[in-house]
């Protein structure tokens, strides 16, 4: 005998109070993964156009952003929805919102840069266009690579294994 999931016929009318309440519950469940991806892409594009209009706003097209839904681990939200934009040469941007009860939502834009050792990346939070230009001027002599510090082998935070997260498959 096989178990079969059978959809039950609705036992109430479409305009009944319970129909209204169940519709509210469906809306309160939160955005779908696709909606989270779209919202993350929109937030990233909006932030780069408004806060970095003379630099990233000119160089990174809105369609360059790829959104990812929030990541949950053991039922708890581990990371907010985010978006990334590939800049070429191994560099990319990561945008997310840091959400807190005290501050509300704050945009966080990070430039992710490969290390000259070829084994890892450096991530740098960018707070303003001036910060971005300073970082880029430091990266220019190395063609966009972060210089590896041999005295500190873990300088580039090279990762040799992928951390296990139950929900990572949700955004791959």
Foldseek 3Di string as FASTA:
>chain_A
DDDDDDDDDDPDDCPDPVVVVVVVVVPVVDDDFVVQQVVQLVVVLVCCCPQVVPPCVVQPDSVQKTKGAFADFPRHGPGHIKIKGDPPPQKIKIWDWDADPVPGTDIWIWIWFAAPVRQAIDIDTDDGNVSVVVVVVVCVVVVRHHYDDPVDNCVRVGDDDDDDGPGPVVGD
